Amino acid sequence: MPRTATNPPCPIGRAVDVLGDRWTLLIMRNATHGTTRFDEFREELGIADNILSARLSSLVAAGLLTRVPYRDGGRTRQEYRLTEAGTELAPVLRALADWGTRHTTPAEPAAPMQFLHRECGHHLSRPEVHCDHCRRPVSREDQLWLRPWRDSAPYPLAAAVTAEQG
């Protein structure tokens, strides 16, 4: 495929094409947290319906989210679930959280985002494959994330939708 503005040779440029719109990374953060429904995204993010709809459609087209139908009373609606590619954004989101903690200041004092090892409960100080405390391997499924300014309970990362679910 020839090089164009919409097909840069640089992988960072291609990633920015997918993730660079305002709200996109926050939508992916919330999807990683387990948010799946349009109304939940809108309420949690305070985003306008038209922008949210456009971003969700773009993320589905890019293969980071997939639509899964569900019944709401008599209507069929769509949930937005992470794909395997969407789950692989977790380290990018973690890196952004770490960078934001080190290089930005919140408008109001807040405890920083925390990353915990599910098995032993200890803080994961950096994206790692082993827990510094218990020395056990730490996979994506073994991590808990905590946003103390939002909720006091850590949450597991949402799993990718399986072929049977989608």
N, C-alpha and C. Protein backbone atom coordinates (compact mmCIF):
# COMPACT_ATOMS: atom_id res chain seq x y z
N MET A 1 0.84 -1.17 0.00
CA MET A 1 0.00 0.00 0.00
C MET A 1 0.89 1.24 0.00
N PRO A 2 0.60 2.23 -0.83
CA PRO A 2 1.45 3.41 -0.90
C PRO A 2 1.33 4.27 0.35
N ARG A 3 2.38 5.02 0.60
CA ARG A 3 2.39 5.91 1.75
C ARG A 3 1.46 7.09 1.47
N THR A 4 0.54 7.34 2.41
CA THR A 4 -0.36 8.48 2.32
C THR A 4 -0.51 9.06 3.70
N ALA A 5 -1.24 10.17 3.79
CA ALA A 5 -1.49 10.77 5.10
C ALA A 5 -2.29 9.83 5.98
N THR A 6 -3.12 8.98 5.37
CA THR A 6 -3.93 8.05 6.16
C THR A 6 -3.26 6.69 6.33
N ASN A 7 -2.08 6.53 5.76
CA ASN A 7 -1.35 5.27 5.90
C ASN A 7 0.14 5.57 6.11
N PRO A 8 0.48 6.21 7.25
CA PRO A 8 1.89 6.53 7.47
C PRO A 8 2.72 5.26 7.68
N PRO A 9 3.99 5.28 7.26
CA PRO A 9 4.83 4.11 7.46
C PRO A 9 5.21 3.90 8.93
N CYS A 10 5.18 4.97 9.70
CA CYS A 10 5.58 4.89 11.11
C CYS A 10 4.46 4.26 11.94
N PRO A 11 4.78 3.23 12.74
CA PRO A 11 3.73 2.61 13.56
C PRO A 11 3.14 3.56 14.59
N ILE A 12 3.92 4.54 15.06
CA ILE A 12 3.36 5.52 16.00
C ILE A 12 2.33 6.38 15.27
N GLY A 13 2.63 6.77 14.04
CA GLY A 13 1.68 7.54 13.26
C GLY A 13 0.39 6.78 13.00
N ARG A 14 0.51 5.49 12.70
CA ARG A 14 -0.68 4.67 12.49
C ARG A 14 -1.49 4.54 13.78
N ALA A 15 -0.79 4.38 14.90
CA ALA A 15 -1.49 4.29 16.19
C ALA A 15 -2.21 5.59 16.51
N VAL A 16 -1.58 6.72 16.23
CA VAL A 16 -2.21 8.01 16.47
C VAL A 16 -3.43 8.18 15.57
N ASP A 17 -3.37 7.65 14.35
CA ASP A 17 -4.54 7.69 13.47
C ASP A 17 -5.73 7.00 14.13
N VAL A 18 -5.49 5.93 14.85
CA VAL A 18 -6.57 5.17 15.50
C VAL A 18 -6.94 5.78 16.85
N LEU A 19 -5.95 6.20 17.64
CA LEU A 19 -6.17 6.58 19.04
C LEU A 19 -6.11 8.08 19.32
N GLY A 20 -5.76 8.89 18.33
CA GLY A 20 -5.44 10.29 18.58
C GLY A 20 -6.60 11.25 18.73
N ASP A 21 -7.83 10.82 18.43
CA ASP A 21 -8.96 11.73 18.60
C ASP A 21 -9.26 11.96 20.07
N ARG A 22 -9.72 13.18 20.38
CA ARG A 22 -10.10 13.49 21.75
C ARG A 22 -11.16 12.50 22.21
N TRP A 23 -11.09 12.04 23.42
CA TRP A 23 -11.98 11.10 24.09
C TRP A 23 -11.64 9.64 23.83
N THR A 24 -10.94 9.32 22.77
CA THR A 24 -10.72 7.92 22.40
C THR A 24 -10.00 7.14 23.49
N LEU A 25 -8.92 7.67 24.02
CA LEU A 25 -8.19 6.94 25.06
C LEU A 25 -8.99 6.83 26.36
N LEU A 26 -9.81 7.84 26.65
CA LEU A 26 -10.65 7.75 27.84
C LEU A 26 -11.75 6.71 27.66
N ILE A 27 -12.29 6.60 26.47
CA ILE A 27 -13.25 5.54 26.18
C ILE A 27 -12.58 4.18 26.35
N MET A 28 -11.37 4.04 25.83
CA MET A 28 -10.66 2.77 25.97
C MET A 28 -10.29 2.49 27.43
N ARG A 29 -9.96 3.52 28.18
CA ARG A 29 -9.70 3.34 29.62
C ARG A 29 -10.95 2.77 30.29
N ASN A 30 -12.11 3.37 30.01
CA ASN A 30 -13.33 2.91 30.64
C ASN A 30 -13.73 1.52 30.16
N ALA A 31 -13.50 1.22 28.89
CA ALA A 31 -13.78 -0.13 28.39
C ALA A 31 -12.88 -1.14 29.09
N THR A 32 -11.63 -0.77 29.35
CA THR A 32 -10.70 -1.63 30.07
C THR A 32 -11.18 -1.83 31.51
N HIS A 33 -11.83 -0.83 32.06
CA HIS A 33 -12.41 -0.91 33.41
C HIS A 33 -13.66 -1.79 33.43
N GLY A 34 -14.28 -2.00 32.26
CA GLY A 34 -15.45 -2.86 32.21
C GLY A 34 -16.73 -2.16 31.74
N THR A 35 -16.64 -0.89 31.42
CA THR A 35 -17.80 -0.18 30.89
C THR A 35 -18.13 -0.76 29.52
N THR A 36 -19.40 -1.02 29.26
CA THR A 36 -19.79 -1.63 27.98
C THR A 36 -20.95 -0.91 27.29
N ARG A 37 -21.74 -0.17 28.02
CA ARG A 37 -22.97 0.39 27.44
C ARG A 37 -22.84 1.88 27.17
N PHE A 38 -23.47 2.29 26.08
CA PHE A 38 -23.42 3.68 25.62
C PHE A 38 -23.74 4.65 26.76
N ASP A 39 -24.86 4.41 27.46
CA ASP A 39 -25.27 5.31 28.55
C ASP A 39 -24.24 5.37 29.66
N GLU A 40 -23.57 4.25 29.94
CA GLU A 40 -22.53 4.24 30.98
C GLU A 40 -21.34 5.08 30.55
N PHE A 41 -20.89 4.92 29.30
CA PHE A 41 -19.79 5.75 28.81
C PHE A 41 -20.16 7.23 28.92
N ARG A 42 -21.35 7.57 28.44
CA ARG A 42 -21.78 8.98 28.45
C ARG A 42 -21.81 9.53 29.87
N GLU A 43 -22.38 8.77 30.80
CA GLU A 43 -22.47 9.23 32.18
C GLU A 43 -21.10 9.36 32.83
N GLU A 44 -20.24 8.37 32.65
CA GLU A 44 -18.92 8.37 33.29
C GLU A 44 -18.00 9.44 32.71
N LEU A 45 -18.12 9.71 31.41
CA LEU A 45 -17.20 10.63 30.75
C LEU A 45 -17.76 12.03 30.58
N GLY A 46 -19.07 12.19 30.61
CA GLY A 46 -19.66 13.50 30.36
C GLY A 46 -19.47 13.93 28.91
N ILE A 47 -19.54 13.01 28.00
CA ILE A 47 -19.28 13.24 26.58
C ILE A 47 -20.62 13.37 25.84
N ALA A 48 -20.65 14.22 24.82
CA ALA A 48 -21.85 14.40 24.02
C ALA A 48 -22.17 13.13 23.23
N ASP A 49 -23.45 12.87 23.04
CA ASP A 49 -23.91 11.66 22.35
C ASP A 49 -23.29 11.51 20.96
N ASN A 50 -23.28 12.59 20.18
CA ASN A 50 -22.78 12.49 18.80
C ASN A 50 -21.29 12.17 18.77
N ILE A 51 -20.53 12.72 19.69
CA ILE A 51 -19.09 12.45 19.73
C ILE A 51 -18.86 11.02 20.20
N LEU A 52 -19.56 10.61 21.24
CA LEU A 52 -19.41 9.24 21.74
C LEU A 52 -19.77 8.24 20.66
N SER A 53 -20.86 8.47 19.97
CA SER A 53 -21.28 7.56 18.90
C SER A 53 -20.21 7.46 17.82
N ALA A 54 -19.66 8.59 17.43
CA ALA A 54 -18.61 8.60 16.39
C ALA A 54 -17.36 7.87 16.88
N ARG A 55 -16.94 8.10 18.12
CA ARG A 55 -15.74 7.45 18.64
C ARG A 55 -15.94 5.95 18.79
N LEU A 56 -17.09 5.53 19.28
CA LEU A 56 -17.35 4.10 19.41
C LEU A 56 -17.36 3.43 18.03
N SER A 57 -17.97 4.07 17.05
CA SER A 57 -17.97 3.52 15.69
C SER A 57 -16.56 3.40 15.15
N SER A 58 -15.73 4.40 15.39
CA SER A 58 -14.33 4.36 14.94
C SER A 58 -13.56 3.24 15.61
N LEU A 59 -13.80 3.05 16.90
CA LEU A 59 -13.09 2.00 17.63
C LEU A 59 -13.54 0.61 17.19
N VAL A 60 -14.80 0.47 16.83
CA VAL A 60 -15.29 -0.79 16.26
C VAL A 60 -14.64 -1.01 14.90
N ALA A 61 -14.63 0.02 14.06
CA ALA A 61 -14.03 -0.10 12.72
C ALA A 61 -12.55 -0.43 12.81
N ALA A 62 -11.87 0.09 13.83
CA ALA A 62 -10.43 -0.16 14.01
C ALA A 62 -10.16 -1.53 14.63
N GLY A 63 -11.20 -2.22 15.09
CA GLY A 63 -11.01 -3.55 15.66
C GLY A 63 -10.64 -3.57 17.12
N LEU A 64 -10.83 -2.45 17.85
CA LEU A 64 -10.50 -2.41 19.27
C LEU A 64 -11.70 -2.76 20.14
N LEU A 65 -12.88 -2.48 19.63
CA LEU A 65 -14.13 -2.84 20.30
C LEU A 65 -14.99 -3.60 19.31
N THR A 66 -15.90 -4.39 19.83
CA THR A 66 -16.88 -5.07 19.00
C THR A 66 -18.25 -4.84 19.62
N ARG A 67 -19.25 -4.83 18.77
CA ARG A 67 -20.63 -4.66 19.25
C ARG A 67 -21.21 -6.04 19.58
N VAL A 68 -21.85 -6.13 20.75
CA VAL A 68 -22.50 -7.36 21.18
C VAL A 68 -23.95 -7.00 21.54
N PRO A 69 -24.93 -7.59 20.87
CA PRO A 69 -26.33 -7.25 21.16
C PRO A 69 -26.77 -7.74 22.53
N TYR A 70 -27.67 -6.98 23.15
CA TYR A 70 -28.32 -7.40 24.39
C TYR A 70 -29.75 -6.88 24.37
N ARG A 71 -30.60 -7.50 25.16
CA ARG A 71 -32.00 -7.09 25.22
C ARG A 71 -32.21 -6.15 26.40
N ASP A 72 -32.89 -5.05 26.13
CA ASP A 72 -33.25 -4.07 27.15
C ASP A 72 -34.75 -3.89 27.06
N GLY A 73 -35.47 -4.64 27.88
CA GLY A 73 -36.92 -4.64 27.76
C GLY A 73 -37.29 -5.27 26.43
N GLY A 74 -38.01 -4.55 25.61
CA GLY A 74 -38.39 -5.06 24.30
C GLY A 74 -37.44 -4.70 23.19
N ARG A 75 -36.41 -3.94 23.49
CA ARG A 75 -35.47 -3.47 22.46
C ARG A 75 -34.18 -4.24 22.49
N THR A 76 -33.59 -4.38 21.31
CA THR A 76 -32.24 -4.92 21.21
C THR A 76 -31.29 -3.74 21.11
N ARG A 77 -30.32 -3.71 21.99
CA ARG A 77 -29.30 -2.65 22.00
C ARG A 77 -27.93 -3.30 21.83
N GLN A 78 -26.91 -2.46 21.79
CA GLN A 78 -25.55 -2.94 21.59
C GLN A 78 -24.67 -2.58 22.79
N GLU A 79 -23.89 -3.54 23.23
CA GLU A 79 -22.80 -3.27 24.17
C GLU A 79 -21.53 -3.18 23.35
N TYR A 80 -20.54 -2.51 23.91
CA TYR A 80 -19.23 -2.38 23.27
C TYR A 80 -18.23 -3.11 24.14
N ARG A 81 -17.68 -4.19 23.61
CA ARG A 81 -16.76 -5.04 24.36
C ARG A 81 -15.37 -4.97 23.74
N LEU A 82 -14.36 -5.11 24.56
CA LEU A 82 -12.98 -5.13 24.08
C LEU A 82 -12.73 -6.35 23.19
N THR A 83 -11.98 -6.14 22.13
CA THR A 83 -11.45 -7.24 21.34
C THR A 83 -10.07 -7.57 21.91
N GLU A 84 -9.44 -8.57 21.36
CA GLU A 84 -8.06 -8.90 21.79
C GLU A 84 -7.15 -7.69 21.57
N ALA A 85 -7.30 -7.03 20.42
CA ALA A 85 -6.49 -5.83 20.15
C ALA A 85 -6.78 -4.74 21.18
N GLY A 86 -8.04 -4.61 21.59
CA GLY A 86 -8.40 -3.62 22.60
C GLY A 86 -7.77 -3.92 23.95
N THR A 87 -7.72 -5.20 24.33
CA THR A 87 -7.11 -5.55 25.62
C THR A 87 -5.61 -5.25 25.62
N GLU A 88 -5.01 -5.31 24.44
CA GLU A 88 -3.57 -5.06 24.35
C GLU A 88 -3.20 -3.59 24.53
N LEU A 89 -4.19 -2.72 24.67
CA LEU A 89 -3.92 -1.31 24.97
C LEU A 89 -3.62 -1.07 26.45
N ALA A 90 -3.88 -2.05 27.31
CA ALA A 90 -3.68 -1.86 28.75
C ALA A 90 -2.28 -1.34 29.09
N PRO A 91 -1.20 -1.86 28.52
CA PRO A 91 0.12 -1.29 28.85
C PRO A 91 0.28 0.16 28.40
N VAL A 92 -0.36 0.53 27.31
CA VAL A 92 -0.32 1.93 26.84
C VAL A 92 -1.05 2.81 27.84
N LEU A 93 -2.23 2.37 28.28
CA LEU A 93 -2.98 3.13 29.27
C LEU A 93 -2.20 3.23 30.58
N ARG A 94 -1.55 2.14 30.96
CA ARG A 94 -0.72 2.15 32.17
C ARG A 94 0.43 3.14 32.03
N ALA A 95 1.08 3.15 30.86
CA ALA A 95 2.18 4.09 30.63
C ALA A 95 1.68 5.53 30.69
N LEU A 96 0.51 5.80 30.13
CA LEU A 96 -0.05 7.16 30.20
C LEU A 96 -0.38 7.54 31.63
N ALA A 97 -0.93 6.61 32.41
CA ALA A 97 -1.22 6.89 33.81
C ALA A 97 0.06 7.20 34.58
N ASP A 98 1.10 6.41 34.36
CA ASP A 98 2.38 6.64 35.04
C ASP A 98 2.97 7.99 34.64
N TRP A 99 2.93 8.30 33.34
CA TRP A 99 3.46 9.58 32.85
C TRP A 99 2.65 10.72 33.46
N GLY A 100 1.32 10.59 33.45
CA GLY A 100 0.46 11.64 34.01
C GLY A 100 0.72 11.87 35.49
N THR A 101 0.99 10.80 36.22
CA THR A 101 1.30 10.92 37.65
C THR A 101 2.60 11.70 37.85
N ARG A 102 3.59 11.41 37.03
CA ARG A 102 4.90 12.06 37.18
C ARG A 102 4.94 13.49 36.64
N HIS A 103 4.18 13.79 35.59
CA HIS A 103 4.41 15.05 34.88
C HIS A 103 3.22 15.99 34.80
N THR A 104 2.11 15.67 35.45
CA THR A 104 0.97 16.58 35.47
C THR A 104 0.47 16.73 36.90
N THR A 105 -0.28 17.78 37.13
CA THR A 105 -0.82 18.05 38.46
C THR A 105 -2.33 18.09 38.36
N PRO A 106 -3.04 17.31 39.19
CA PRO A 106 -4.50 17.35 39.14
C PRO A 106 -5.03 18.69 39.63
N ALA A 107 -6.22 19.08 39.14
CA ALA A 107 -6.84 20.34 39.57
C ALA A 107 -7.11 20.32 41.07
N GLU A 108 -7.48 19.17 41.60
CA GLU A 108 -7.69 19.00 43.04
C GLU A 108 -6.76 17.89 43.51
N PRO A 109 -6.24 17.98 44.72
CA PRO A 109 -5.36 16.92 45.21
C PRO A 109 -6.06 15.56 45.14
N ALA A 110 -5.34 14.58 44.63
CA ALA A 110 -5.89 13.24 44.50
C ALA A 110 -4.76 12.22 44.59
N ALA A 111 -5.08 11.09 45.17
CA ALA A 111 -4.11 9.99 45.19
C ALA A 111 -3.92 9.49 43.76
N PRO A 112 -2.73 9.07 43.42
CA PRO A 112 -2.49 8.60 42.06
C PRO A 112 -3.16 7.26 41.79
N MET A 113 -3.33 6.98 40.52
CA MET A 113 -3.84 5.68 40.11
C MET A 113 -2.86 4.62 40.61
N GLN A 114 -3.39 3.47 41.01
CA GLN A 114 -2.54 2.40 41.53
C GLN A 114 -2.76 1.12 40.74
N PHE A 115 -1.75 0.31 40.71
CA PHE A 115 -1.79 -0.98 40.01
C PHE A 115 -1.36 -2.03 41.01
N LEU A 116 -2.21 -3.05 41.19
CA LEU A 116 -2.00 -4.03 42.24
C LEU A 116 -1.93 -5.44 41.67
N HIS A 117 -1.18 -6.29 42.36
CA HIS A 117 -1.13 -7.70 42.02
C HIS A 117 -2.32 -8.35 42.70
N ARG A 118 -3.19 -8.96 41.93
CA ARG A 118 -4.42 -9.55 42.45
C ARG A 118 -4.12 -10.61 43.52
N GLU A 119 -3.11 -11.42 43.29
CA GLU A 119 -2.84 -12.54 44.18
C GLU A 119 -2.35 -12.11 45.56
N CYS A 120 -1.41 -11.18 45.62
CA CYS A 120 -0.86 -10.80 46.93
C CYS A 120 -1.31 -9.41 47.39
N GLY A 121 -1.93 -8.63 46.49
CA GLY A 121 -2.44 -7.32 46.85
C GLY A 121 -1.42 -6.20 46.90
N HIS A 122 -0.19 -6.50 46.56
CA HIS A 122 0.84 -5.47 46.64
C HIS A 122 0.91 -4.62 45.38
N HIS A 123 1.41 -3.42 45.57
CA HIS A 123 1.54 -2.42 44.50
C HIS A 123 2.54 -2.90 43.44
N LEU A 124 2.13 -2.76 42.20
CA LEU A 124 3.04 -3.04 41.07
C LEU A 124 3.63 -1.70 40.67
N SER A 125 4.88 -1.49 40.97
CA SER A 125 5.49 -0.18 40.79
C SER A 125 5.78 0.17 39.35
N ARG A 126 5.79 -0.81 38.49
CA ARG A 126 6.03 -0.57 37.07
C ARG A 126 5.42 -1.72 36.28
N PRO A 127 5.17 -1.49 35.00
CA PRO A 127 4.65 -2.61 34.21
C PRO A 127 5.68 -3.73 34.26
N GLU A 128 5.32 -4.82 34.82
CA GLU A 128 6.30 -5.88 35.03
C GLU A 128 5.70 -7.25 34.78
N VAL A 129 6.55 -8.20 34.62
CA VAL A 129 6.09 -9.56 34.41
C VAL A 129 6.13 -10.37 35.70
N HIS A 130 6.77 -9.81 36.74
CA HIS A 130 6.82 -10.46 38.05
C HIS A 130 6.54 -9.42 39.13
N CYS A 131 5.87 -9.86 40.19
CA CYS A 131 5.61 -8.99 41.33
C CYS A 131 6.90 -8.87 42.16
N ASP A 132 7.29 -7.64 42.48
CA ASP A 132 8.48 -7.43 43.30
C ASP A 132 8.31 -7.99 44.71
N HIS A 133 7.08 -8.05 45.20
CA HIS A 133 6.84 -8.52 46.55
C HIS A 133 6.87 -10.05 46.66
N CYS A 134 6.02 -10.73 45.86
CA CYS A 134 5.92 -12.19 46.01
C CYS A 134 6.70 -12.96 44.94
N ARG A 135 7.23 -12.23 43.97
CA ARG A 135 8.05 -12.82 42.90
C ARG A 135 7.27 -13.72 41.94
N ARG A 136 5.96 -13.71 42.04
CA ARG A 136 5.16 -14.52 41.12
C ARG A 136 4.96 -13.78 39.80
N PRO A 137 4.73 -14.51 38.72
CA PRO A 137 4.45 -13.86 37.43
C PRO A 137 3.14 -13.05 37.51
N VAL A 138 3.10 -11.95 36.79
CA VAL A 138 1.92 -11.10 36.75
C VAL A 138 1.47 -10.95 35.30
N SER A 139 0.36 -11.58 34.99
CA SER A 139 -0.23 -11.42 33.65
C SER A 139 -1.28 -10.31 33.71
N ARG A 140 -1.84 -9.99 32.58
CA ARG A 140 -2.90 -8.99 32.52
C ARG A 140 -4.04 -9.38 33.47
N GLU A 141 -4.39 -10.65 33.49
CA GLU A 141 -5.49 -11.13 34.32
C GLU A 141 -5.16 -11.05 35.82
N ASP A 142 -3.88 -10.95 36.16
CA ASP A 142 -3.46 -10.89 37.56
C ASP A 142 -3.38 -9.47 38.10
N GLN A 143 -3.74 -8.48 37.28
CA GLN A 143 -3.64 -7.08 37.69
C GLN A 143 -4.99 -6.54 38.14
N LEU A 144 -4.93 -5.67 39.14
CA LEU A 144 -6.08 -4.87 39.55
C LEU A 144 -5.66 -3.41 39.41
N TRP A 145 -6.56 -2.59 38.92
CA TRP A 145 -6.29 -1.16 38.82
C TRP A 145 -7.21 -0.44 39.80
N LEU A 146 -6.71 0.65 40.36
CA LEU A 146 -7.45 1.41 41.34
C LEU A 146 -7.38 2.90 41.00
N ARG A 147 -8.56 3.51 40.87
CA ARG A 147 -8.65 4.96 40.68
C ARG A 147 -9.23 5.51 41.99
N PRO A 148 -8.38 5.84 42.97
CA PRO A 148 -8.87 6.19 44.31
C PRO A 148 -9.75 7.43 44.34
N TRP A 149 -9.63 8.34 43.40
CA TRP A 149 -10.47 9.52 43.35
C TRP A 149 -11.88 9.18 42.88
N ARG A 150 -12.04 8.01 42.30
CA ARG A 150 -13.33 7.60 41.72
C ARG A 150 -14.02 6.53 42.56
N ASP A 151 -13.23 5.56 43.04
CA ASP A 151 -13.80 4.41 43.74
C ASP A 151 -12.72 3.83 44.64
N SER A 152 -13.12 3.33 45.80
CA SER A 152 -12.13 2.78 46.73
C SER A 152 -11.80 1.32 46.45
N ALA A 153 -12.53 0.70 45.54
CA ALA A 153 -12.30 -0.72 45.25
C ALA A 153 -11.50 -0.88 43.96
N PRO A 154 -10.45 -1.67 44.00
CA PRO A 154 -9.72 -1.96 42.77
C PRO A 154 -10.56 -2.84 41.85
N TYR A 155 -10.32 -2.73 40.56
CA TYR A 155 -11.10 -3.52 39.61
C TYR A 155 -10.19 -4.32 38.70
N PRO A 156 -10.64 -5.51 38.31
CA PRO A 156 -9.87 -6.30 37.34
C PRO A 156 -10.06 -5.71 35.95
N LEU A 157 -9.16 -6.00 35.07
CA LEU A 157 -9.27 -5.51 33.70
C LEU A 157 -10.28 -6.36 32.95
N ALA A 158 -11.08 -5.71 32.12
CA ALA A 158 -12.09 -6.41 31.35
C ALA A 158 -11.41 -7.35 30.36
N ALA A 159 -12.03 -8.48 30.14
CA ALA A 159 -11.51 -9.48 29.21
C ALA A 159 -11.99 -9.17 27.80
N ALA A 160 -11.30 -9.73 26.84
CA ALA A 160 -11.73 -9.61 25.44
C ALA A 160 -12.98 -10.46 25.23
N VAL A 161 -13.83 -9.99 24.33
CA VAL A 161 -15.00 -10.76 23.97
C VAL A 161 -14.54 -12.00 23.21
N THR A 162 -15.19 -13.12 23.48
CA THR A 162 -14.84 -14.36 22.78
C THR A 162 -15.73 -14.52 21.56
N ALA A 163 -15.37 -15.44 20.68
CA ALA A 163 -16.15 -15.68 19.46
C ALA A 163 -17.59 -16.07 19.81
N GLU A 164 -17.80 -16.81 20.90
CA GLU A 164 -19.14 -17.22 21.30
C GLU A 164 -19.96 -16.02 21.76
N GLN A 165 -19.30 -15.02 22.40
CA GLN A 165 -20.01 -13.85 22.89
C GLN A 165 -20.34 -12.88 21.77
N GLY A 166 -19.46 -12.81 20.77
CA GLY A 166 -19.61 -11.82 19.71
C GLY A 166 -20.31 -12.34 18.58
